[in-house]
Amino acid sequence: MTDNENNKLILFQNKSIRRTWFKEDWYFSIVDIVGALTDSINPRDYWYKTKIRLGEEEKAELSTICLQLKLEAPDGKLRTTDCAVKRKTLR
């Protein structure tokens, strides 16, 4: 796949979700998914607080679900963000 095919936006309920092709699978931005599924005005903060709560439970091992991959930010720069494959995002 070319770079243009690797990094494509998809739409869910008229909201953009960034994704990238990595290790034979599509990885989706968790912050973008949170923004599409919640009414949060700040999905990044919502995800940050959720990660803290999950970490406190000690049962959730986010490193087995999420990878930090570089995706294009609104300013056009590549920024590291939490990503996961579709089958693991809605656990």
PDB file of N, CA and C in Angstrom:
ATOM      1  N   MET A   1       0.828  -1.192   0.000  1.00  0.00           N
ATOM      2  CA  MET A   1       0.000   0.000   0.000  1.00  0.00           C
ATOM      3  C   MET A   1       0.868   1.249   0.000  1.00  0.00           C
ATOM      4  N   THR A   2       0.392   2.263  -0.681  1.00  0.00           N
ATOM      5  CA  THR A   2       1.113   3.529  -0.681  1.00  0.00           C
ATOM      6  C   THR A   2       0.779   4.301   0.587  1.00  0.00           C
ATOM      7  N   ASP A   3       1.545   5.348   0.858  1.00  0.00           N
ATOM      8  CA  ASP A   3       1.290   6.163   2.050  1.00  0.00           C
ATOM      9  C   ASP A   3      -0.111   6.764   2.030  1.00  0.00           C
ATOM     10  N   ASN A   4      -0.584   7.183   0.858  1.00  0.00           N
ATOM     11  CA  ASN A   4      -1.923   7.764   0.783  1.00  0.00           C
ATOM     12  C   ASN A   4      -2.994   6.744   1.124  1.00  0.00           C
ATOM     13  N   GLU A   5      -2.776   5.485   0.748  1.00  0.00           N
ATOM     14  CA  GLU A   5      -3.744   4.446   1.067  1.00  0.00           C
ATOM     15  C   GLU A   5      -3.645   4.037   2.530  1.00  0.00           C
ATOM     16  N   ASN A   6      -2.468   4.192   3.130  1.00  0.00           N
ATOM     17  CA  ASN A   6      -2.259   3.782   4.519  1.00  0.00           C
ATOM     18  C   ASN A   6      -2.970   4.678   5.516  1.00  0.00           C
ATOM     19  N   ASN A   7      -3.048   5.948   5.235  1.00  0.00           N
ATOM     20  CA  ASN A   7      -3.610   6.906   6.184  1.00  0.00           C
ATOM     21  C   ASN A   7      -4.851   7.548   5.583  1.00  0.00           C
ATOM     22  N   LYS A   8      -5.979   6.993   5.893  1.00  0.00           N
ATOM     23  CA  LYS A   8      -7.233   7.507   5.351  1.00  0.00           C
ATOM     24  C   LYS A   8      -8.193   7.818   6.475  1.00  0.00           C
ATOM     25  N   LEU A   9      -8.995   8.856   6.234  1.00  0.00           N
ATOM     26  CA  LEU A   9     -10.071   9.182   7.164  1.00  0.00           C
ATOM     27  C   LEU A   9     -11.291   8.367   6.784  1.00  0.00           C
ATOM     28  N   ILE A  10     -12.016   7.933   7.789  1.00  0.00           N
ATOM     29  CA  ILE A  10     -13.309   7.319   7.548  1.00  0.00           C
ATOM     30  C   ILE A  10     -14.335   8.133   8.318  1.00  0.00           C
ATOM     31  N   LEU A  11     -15.575   8.021   7.942  1.00  0.00           N
ATOM     32  CA  LEU A  11     -16.630   8.764   8.622  1.00  0.00           C
ATOM     33  C   LEU A  11     -17.527   7.819   9.399  1.00  0.00           C
ATOM     34  N   PHE A  12     -17.881   8.238  10.612  1.00  0.00           N
ATOM     35  CA  PHE A  12     -18.837   7.524  11.447  1.00  0.00           C
ATOM     36  C   PHE A  12     -19.745   8.584  12.040  1.00  0.00           C
ATOM     37  N   GLN A  13     -21.020   8.522  11.744  1.00  0.00           N
ATOM     38  CA  GLN A  13     -21.983   9.525  12.204  1.00  0.00           C
ATOM     39  C   GLN A  13     -21.491  10.941  11.893  1.00  0.00           C
ATOM     40  N   ASN A  14     -21.007  11.121  10.675  1.00  0.00           N
ATOM     41  CA  ASN A  14     -20.504  12.409  10.179  1.00  0.00           C
ATOM     42  C   ASN A  14     -19.296  12.936  10.947  1.00  0.00           C
ATOM     43  N   LYS A  15     -18.589  12.082  11.650  1.00  0.00           N
ATOM     44  CA  LYS A  15     -17.368  12.491  12.354  1.00  0.00           C
ATOM     45  C   LYS A  15     -16.198  11.710  11.768  1.00  0.00           C
ATOM     46  N   SER A  16     -15.082  12.398  11.582  1.00  0.00           N
ATOM     47  CA  SER A  16     -13.895  11.775  11.000  1.00  0.00           C
ATOM     48  C   SER A  16     -13.170  10.928  12.026  1.00  0.00           C
ATOM     49  N   ILE A  17     -12.740   9.760  11.592  1.00  0.00           N
ATOM     50  CA  ILE A  17     -11.919   8.887  12.428  1.00  0.00           C
ATOM     51  C   ILE A  17     -10.660   8.564  11.627  1.00  0.00           C
ATOM     52  N   ARG A  18      -9.525   8.933  12.186  1.00  0.00           N
ATOM     53  CA  ARG A  18      -8.256   8.668  11.517  1.00  0.00           C
ATOM     54  C   ARG A  18      -7.889   7.199  11.682  1.00  0.00           C
ATOM     55  N   ARG A  19      -7.197   6.669  10.684  1.00  0.00           N
ATOM     56  CA  ARG A  19      -6.738   5.290  10.767  1.00  0.00           C
ATOM     57  C   ARG A  19      -5.437   5.161  10.004  1.00  0.00           C
ATOM     58  N   THR A  20      -4.713   4.084  10.308  1.00  0.00           N
ATOM     59  CA  THR A  20      -3.477   3.791   9.596  1.00  0.00           C
ATOM     60  C   THR A  20      -3.314   2.283   9.491  1.00  0.00           C
ATOM     61  N   TRP A  21      -2.680   1.836   8.431  1.00  0.00           N
ATOM     62  CA  TRP A  21      -2.408   0.420   8.201  1.00  0.00           C
ATOM     63  C   TRP A  21      -1.080   0.089   8.866  1.00  0.00           C
ATOM     64  N   PHE A  22      -1.093  -0.876   9.785  1.00  0.00           N
ATOM     65  CA  PHE A  22       0.112  -1.235  10.537  1.00  0.00           C
ATOM     66  C   PHE A  22       0.050  -2.718  10.864  1.00  0.00           C
ATOM     67  N   LYS A  23       1.113  -3.437  10.573  1.00  0.00           N
ATOM     68  CA  LYS A  23       1.199  -4.880  10.859  1.00  0.00           C
ATOM     69  C   LYS A  23      -0.033  -5.645  10.374  1.00  0.00           C
ATOM     70  N   GLU A  24      -0.339  -5.461   9.116  1.00  0.00           N
ATOM     71  CA  GLU A  24      -1.417  -6.219   8.461  1.00  0.00           C
ATOM     72  C   GLU A  24      -2.813  -5.961   9.018  1.00  0.00           C
ATOM     73  N   ASP A  25      -3.053  -4.783   9.600  1.00  0.00           N
ATOM     74  CA  ASP A  25      -4.376  -4.470  10.135  1.00  0.00           C
ATOM     75  C   ASP A  25      -4.577  -2.958  10.167  1.00  0.00           C
ATOM     76  N   TRP A  26      -5.839  -2.532  10.163  1.00  0.00           N
ATOM     77  CA  TRP A  26      -6.163  -1.123  10.316  1.00  0.00           C
ATOM     78  C   TRP A  26      -6.203  -0.775  11.796  1.00  0.00           C
ATOM     79  N   TYR A  27      -5.534   0.294  12.163  1.00  0.00           N
ATOM     80  CA  TYR A  27      -5.556   0.817  13.529  1.00  0.00           C
ATOM     81  C   TYR A  27      -6.266   2.167  13.498  1.00  0.00           C
ATOM     82  N   PHE A  28      -7.210   2.353  14.426  1.00  0.00           N
ATOM     83  CA  PHE A  28      -8.052   3.542  14.466  1.00  0.00           C
ATOM     84  C   PHE A  28      -7.702   4.398  15.678  1.00  0.00           C
ATOM     85  N   SER A  29      -7.799   5.707  15.520  1.00  0.00           N
ATOM     86  CA  SER A  29      -7.530   6.640  16.612  1.00  0.00           C
ATOM     87  C   SER A  29      -8.607   6.509  17.683  1.00  0.00           C
ATOM     88  N   ILE A  30      -8.199   6.200  18.894  1.00  0.00           N
ATOM     89  CA  ILE A  30      -9.154   6.038  19.987  1.00  0.00           C
ATOM     90  C   ILE A  30      -9.796   7.376  20.349  1.00  0.00           C
ATOM     91  N   VAL A  31      -9.033   8.450  20.308  1.00  0.00           N
ATOM     92  CA  VAL A  31      -9.598   9.773  20.608  1.00  0.00           C
ATOM     93  C   VAL A  31     -10.704  10.108  19.604  1.00  0.00           C
ATOM     94  N   ASP A  32     -10.493   9.776  18.346  1.00  0.00           N
ATOM     95  CA  ASP A  32     -11.518  10.038  17.330  1.00  0.00           C
ATOM     96  C   ASP A  32     -12.756   9.178  17.564  1.00  0.00           C
ATOM     97  N   ILE A  33     -12.562   7.935  17.970  1.00  0.00           N
ATOM     98  CA  ILE A  33     -13.693   7.044  18.260  1.00  0.00           C
ATOM     99  C   ILE A  33     -14.480   7.574  19.452  1.00  0.00           C
ATOM    100  N   VAL A  34     -13.763   8.004  20.495  1.00  0.00           N
ATOM    101  CA  VAL A  34     -14.427   8.584  21.674  1.00  0.00           C
ATOM    102  C   VAL A  34     -15.247   9.799  21.251  1.00  0.00           C
ATOM    103  N   GLY A  35     -14.687  10.632  20.396  1.00  0.00           N
ATOM    104  CA  GLY A  35     -15.402  11.809  19.924  1.00  0.00           C
ATOM    105  C   GLY A  35     -16.657  11.466  19.138  1.00  0.00           C
ATOM    106  N   ALA A  36     -16.608  10.365  18.391  1.00  0.00           N
ATOM    107  CA  ALA A  36     -17.765   9.958  17.594  1.00  0.00           C
ATOM    108  C   ALA A  36     -18.845   9.294  18.440  1.00  0.00           C
ATOM    109  N   LEU A  37     -18.448   8.617  19.515  1.00  0.00           N
ATOM    110  CA  LEU A  37     -19.411   7.845  20.309  1.00  0.00           C
ATOM    111  C   LEU A  37     -19.952   8.573  21.535  1.00  0.00           C
ATOM    112  N   THR A  38     -19.310   9.652  21.940  1.00  0.00           N
ATOM    113  CA  THR A  38     -19.755  10.371  23.140  1.00  0.00           C
ATOM    114  C   THR A  38     -20.137  11.799  22.769  1.00  0.00           C
ATOM    115  N   ASP A  39     -20.740  12.469  23.688  1.00  0.00           N
ATOM    116  CA  ASP A  39     -21.066  13.882  23.496  1.00  0.00           C
ATOM    117  C   ASP A  39     -20.007  14.777  24.129  1.00  0.00           C
ATOM    118  N   SER A  40     -18.847  14.227  24.388  1.00  0.00           N
ATOM    119  CA  SER A  40     -17.782  14.979  25.037  1.00  0.00           C
ATOM    120  C   SER A  40     -17.329  16.142  24.156  1.00  0.00           C
ATOM    121  N   ILE A  41     -17.166  17.311  24.785  1.00  0.00           N
ATOM    122  CA  ILE A  41     -16.651  18.457  24.041  1.00  0.00           C
ATOM    123  C   ILE A  41     -15.132  18.382  23.908  1.00  0.00           C
ATOM    124  N   ASN A  42     -14.501  17.512  24.717  1.00  0.00           N
ATOM    125  CA  ASN A  42     -13.059  17.324  24.649  1.00  0.00           C
ATOM    126  C   ASN A  42     -12.751  15.826  24.700  1.00  0.00           C
ATOM    127  N   PRO A  43     -12.816  15.131  23.563  1.00  0.00           N
ATOM    128  CA  PRO A  43     -12.597  13.682  23.560  1.00  0.00           C
ATOM    129  C   PRO A  43     -11.207  13.270  24.046  1.00  0.00           C
ATOM    130  N   ARG A  44     -10.213  14.117  23.822  1.00  0.00           N
ATOM    131  CA  ARG A  44      -8.852  13.793  24.279  1.00  0.00           C
ATOM    132  C   ARG A  44      -8.809  13.719  25.806  1.00  0.00           C
ATOM    133  N   ASP A  45      -9.447  14.685  26.471  1.00  0.00           N
ATOM    134  CA  ASP A  45      -9.510  14.701  27.932  1.00  0.00           C
ATOM    135  C   ASP A  45     -10.345  13.525  28.450  1.00  0.00           C
ATOM    136  N   TYR A  46     -11.442  13.242  27.764  1.00  0.00           N
ATOM    137  CA  TYR A  46     -12.304  12.111  28.127  1.00  0.00           C
ATOM    138  C   TYR A  46     -11.489  10.816  28.104  1.00  0.00           C
ATOM    139  N   TRP A  47     -10.714  10.592  27.032  1.00  0.00           N
ATOM    140  CA  TRP A  47      -9.895   9.379  26.917  1.00  0.00           C
ATOM    141  C   TRP A  47      -8.805   9.356  27.989  1.00  0.00           C
ATOM    142  N   TYR A  48      -8.189  10.506  28.261  1.00  0.00           N
ATOM    143  CA  TYR A  48      -7.151  10.595  29.288  1.00  0.00           C
ATOM    144  C   TYR A  48      -7.701  10.156  30.647  1.00  0.00           C
ATOM    145  N   LYS A  49      -8.875  10.666  31.027  1.00  0.00           N
ATOM    146  CA  LYS A  49      -9.481  10.307  32.315  1.00  0.00           C
ATOM    147  C   LYS A  49      -9.903   8.842  32.340  1.00  0.00           C
ATOM    148  N   THR A  50     -10.371   8.335  31.209  1.00  0.00           N
ATOM    149  CA  THR A  50     -10.743   6.921  31.125  1.00  0.00           C
ATOM    150  C   THR A  50      -9.519   6.038  31.325  1.00  0.00           C
ATOM    151  N   LYS A  51      -8.389   6.407  30.720  1.00  0.00           N
ATOM    152  CA  LYS A  51      -7.157   5.625  30.895  1.00  0.00           C
ATOM    153  C   LYS A  51      -6.732   5.599  32.359  1.00  0.00           C
ATOM    154  N   ILE A  52      -6.874   6.722  33.050  1.00  0.00           N
ATOM    155  CA  ILE A  52      -6.517   6.769  34.473  1.00  0.00           C
ATOM    156  C   ILE A  52      -7.407   5.823  35.264  1.00  0.00           C
ATOM    157  N   ARG A  53      -8.716   5.874  35.003  1.00  0.00           N
ATOM    158  CA  ARG A  53      -9.649   4.985  35.710  1.00  0.00           C
ATOM    159  C   ARG A  53      -9.346   3.519  35.422  1.00  0.00           C
ATOM    160  N   LEU A  54      -9.065   3.197  34.187  1.00  0.00           N
ATOM    161  CA  LEU A  54      -8.748   1.815  33.829  1.00  0.00           C
ATOM    162  C   LEU A  54      -7.453   1.361  34.494  1.00  0.00           C
ATOM    163  N   GLY A  55      -6.485   2.249  34.566  1.00  0.00           N
ATOM    164  CA  GLY A  55      -5.222   1.922  35.214  1.00  0.00           C
ATOM    165  C   GLY A  55      -5.385   1.660  36.695  1.00  0.00           C
ATOM    166  N   GLU A  56      -6.303   2.392  37.331  1.00  0.00           N
ATOM    167  CA  GLU A  56      -6.549   2.208  38.760  1.00  0.00           C
ATOM    168  C   GLU A  56      -7.201   0.864  39.045  1.00  0.00           C
ATOM    169  N   GLU A  57      -7.962   0.354  38.098  1.00  0.00           N
ATOM    170  CA  GLU A  57      -8.612  -0.937  38.287  1.00  0.00           C
ATOM    171  C   GLU A  57      -7.613  -2.086  38.250  1.00  0.00           C
ATOM    172  N   GLU A  58      -6.454  -1.856  37.653  1.00  0.00           N
ATOM    173  CA  GLU A  58      -5.367  -2.822  37.549  1.00  0.00           C
ATOM    174  C   GLU A  58      -5.731  -4.076  36.773  1.00  0.00           C
ATOM    175  N   LYS A  59      -6.950  -4.165  36.305  1.00  0.00           N
ATOM    176  CA  LYS A  59      -7.348  -5.329  35.529  1.00  0.00           C
ATOM    177  C   LYS A  59      -7.125  -5.077  34.039  1.00  0.00           C
ATOM    178  N   ALA A  60      -7.149  -3.836  33.670  1.00  0.00           N
ATOM    179  CA  ALA A  60      -7.005  -3.494  32.259  1.00  0.00           C
ATOM    180  C   ALA A  60      -5.545  -3.224  31.933  1.00  0.00           C
ATOM    181  N   GLU A  61      -5.047  -3.886  30.959  1.00  0.00           N
ATOM    182  CA  GLU A  61      -3.684  -3.694  30.493  1.00  0.00           C
ATOM    183  C   GLU A  61      -3.786  -3.006  29.136  1.00  0.00           C
ATOM    184  N   LEU A  62      -3.790  -1.689  29.142  1.00  0.00           N
ATOM    185  CA  LEU A  62      -3.999  -0.939  27.907  1.00  0.00           C
ATOM    186  C   LEU A  62      -2.925  -1.194  26.861  1.00  0.00           C
ATOM    187  N   SER A  63      -1.733  -1.539  27.298  1.00  0.00           N
ATOM    188  CA  SER A  63      -0.664  -1.771  26.330  1.00  0.00           C
ATOM    189  C   SER A  63      -0.937  -2.992  25.459  1.00  0.00           C
ATOM    190  N   THR A  64      -1.815  -3.883  25.901  1.00  0.00           N
ATOM    191  CA  THR A  64      -2.172  -5.030  25.064  1.00  0.00           C
ATOM    192  C   THR A  64      -3.290  -4.680  24.091  1.00  0.00           C
ATOM    193  N   ILE A  65      -3.986  -3.583  24.338  1.00  0.00           N
ATOM    194  CA  ILE A  65      -5.096  -3.161  23.481  1.00  0.00           C
ATOM    195  C   ILE A  65      -4.664  -2.032  22.551  1.00  0.00           C
ATOM    196  N   CYS A  66      -3.892  -1.088  23.075  1.00  0.00           N
ATOM    197  CA  CYS A  66      -3.537   0.131  22.337  1.00  0.00           C
ATOM    198  C   CYS A  66      -2.075   0.142  21.922  1.00  0.00           C
ATOM    199  N   LEU A  67      -1.845   0.768  20.793  1.00  0.00           N
ATOM    200  CA  LEU A  67      -0.496   1.093  20.351  1.00  0.00           C
ATOM    201  C   LEU A  67      -0.455   2.591  20.111  1.00  0.00           C
ATOM    202  N   GLN A  68       0.685   3.193  20.339  1.00  0.00           N
ATOM    203  CA  GLN A  68       0.828   4.607  20.006  1.00  0.00           C
ATOM    204  C   GLN A  68       1.461   4.690  18.620  1.00  0.00           C
ATOM    205  N   LEU A  69       0.685   5.223  17.690  1.00  0.00           N
ATOM    206  CA  LEU A  69       1.130   5.357  16.306  1.00  0.00           C
ATOM    207  C   LEU A  69       1.011   6.813  15.879  1.00  0.00           C
ATOM    208  N   LYS A  70       1.781   7.181  14.867  1.00  0.00           N
ATOM    209  CA  LYS A  70       1.734   8.560  14.375  1.00  0.00           C
ATOM    210  C   LYS A  70       0.635   8.687  13.329  1.00  0.00           C
ATOM    211  N   LEU A  71      -0.255   9.638  13.588  1.00  0.00           N
ATOM    212  CA  LEU A  71      -1.330   9.966  12.658  1.00  0.00           C
ATOM    213  C   LEU A  71      -1.283  11.459  12.369  1.00  0.00           C
ATOM    214  N   GLU A  72      -1.811  11.837  11.231  1.00  0.00           N
ATOM    215  CA  GLU A  72      -1.811  13.253  10.871  1.00  0.00           C
ATOM    216  C   GLU A  72      -2.816  14.022  11.720  1.00  0.00           C
ATOM    217  N   ALA A  73      -2.347  15.071  12.363  1.00  0.00           N
ATOM    218  CA  ALA A  73      -3.186  15.942  13.195  1.00  0.00           C
ATOM    219  C   ALA A  73      -3.840  17.000  12.301  1.00  0.00           C
ATOM    220  N   PRO A  74      -4.826  17.727  12.837  1.00  0.00           N
ATOM    221  CA  PRO A  74      -5.479  18.777  12.038  1.00  0.00           C
ATOM    222  C   PRO A  74      -4.508  19.817  11.470  1.00  0.00           C
ATOM    223  N   ASP A  75      -3.375  20.021  12.156  1.00  0.00           N
ATOM    224  CA  ASP A  75      -2.399  20.999  11.659  1.00  0.00           C
ATOM    225  C   ASP A  75      -1.483  20.425  10.573  1.00  0.00           C
ATOM    226  N   GLY A  76      -1.714  19.157  10.198  1.00  0.00           N
ATOM    227  CA  GLY A  76      -0.931  18.527   9.139  1.00  0.00           C
ATOM    228  C   GLY A  76       0.314  17.802   9.610  1.00  0.00           C
ATOM    229  N   LYS A  77       0.665  17.958  10.877  1.00  0.00           N
ATOM    230  CA  LYS A  77       1.852  17.293  11.414  1.00  0.00           C
ATOM    231  C   LYS A  77       1.495  15.894  11.901  1.00  0.00           C
ATOM    232  N   LEU A  78       2.485  14.993  11.871  1.00  0.00           N
ATOM    233  CA  LEU A  78       2.277  13.652  12.404  1.00  0.00           C
ATOM    234  C   LEU A  78       2.473  13.685  13.909  1.00  0.00           C
ATOM    235  N   ARG A  79       1.482  13.202  14.626  1.00  0.00           N
ATOM    236  CA  ARG A  79       1.547  13.183  16.089  1.00  0.00           C
ATOM    237  C   ARG A  79       1.202  11.786  16.588  1.00  0.00           C
ATOM    238  N   THR A  80       1.863  11.396  17.671  1.00  0.00           N
ATOM    239  CA  THR A  80       1.613  10.092  18.270  1.00  0.00           C
ATOM    240  C   THR A  80       0.268  10.108  18.980  1.00  0.00           C
ATOM    241  N   THR A  81      -0.532   9.086  18.729  1.00  0.00           N
ATOM    242  CA  THR A  81      -1.841   8.979  19.368  1.00  0.00           C
ATOM    243  C   THR A  81      -2.152   7.513  19.642  1.00  0.00           C
ATOM    244  N   ASP A  82      -2.987   7.262  20.635  1.00  0.00           N
ATOM    245  CA  ASP A  82      -3.394   5.895  20.953  1.00  0.00           C
ATOM    246  C   ASP A  82      -4.280   5.363  19.841  1.00  0.00           C
ATOM    247  N   CYS A  83      -3.967   4.151  19.393  1.00  0.00           N
ATOM    248  CA  CYS A  83      -4.725   3.513  18.320  1.00  0.00           C
ATOM    249  C   CYS A  83      -4.988   2.061  18.689  1.00  0.00           C
ATOM    250  N   ALA A  84      -6.037   1.510  18.110  1.00  0.00           N
ATOM    251  CA  ALA A  84      -6.363   0.101  18.331  1.00  0.00           C
ATOM    252  C   ALA A  84      -7.079  -0.445  17.107  1.00  0.00           C
ATOM    253  N   VAL A  85      -7.033  -1.758  16.967  1.00  0.00           N
ATOM    254  CA  VAL A  85      -7.776  -2.404  15.887  1.00  0.00           C
ATOM    255  C   VAL A  85      -9.253  -2.427  16.253  1.00  0.00           C
ATOM    256  N   LYS A  86     -10.097  -2.525  15.250  1.00  0.00           N
ATOM    257  CA  LYS A  86     -11.547  -2.420  15.458  1.00  0.00           C
ATOM    258  C   LYS A  86     -12.065  -3.433  16.475  1.00  0.00           C
ATOM    259  N   ARG A  87     -11.609  -4.663  16.392  1.00  0.00           N
ATOM    260  CA  ARG A  87     -12.144  -5.705  17.283  1.00  0.00           C
ATOM    261  C   ARG A  87     -11.798  -5.471  18.754  1.00  0.00           C
ATOM    262  N   LYS A  88     -10.799  -4.631  19.027  1.00  0.00           N
ATOM    263  CA  LYS A  88     -10.418  -4.367  20.419  1.00  0.00           C
ATOM    264  C   LYS A  88     -10.945  -3.039  20.952  1.00  0.00           C
ATOM    265  N   THR A  89     -11.450  -2.183  20.073  1.00  0.00           N
ATOM    266  CA  THR A  89     -11.879  -0.862  20.529  1.00  0.00           C
ATOM    267  C   THR A  89     -13.188  -0.896  21.298  1.00  0.00           C
ATOM    268  N   LEU A  90     -14.040  -1.815  21.011  1.00  0.00           N
ATOM    269  CA  LEU A  90     -15.360  -1.840  21.650  1.00  0.00           C
ATOM    270  C   LEU A  90     -15.472  -2.952  22.682  1.00  0.00           C
ATOM    271  N   ARG A  91     -14.405  -3.201  23.394  1.00  0.00           N
ATOM    272  CA  ARG A  91     -14.396  -4.250  24.425  1.00  0.00           C
ATOM    273  C   ARG A  91     -15.144  -3.798  25.633  1.00  0.00           C
TER     274      ARG A  91
END
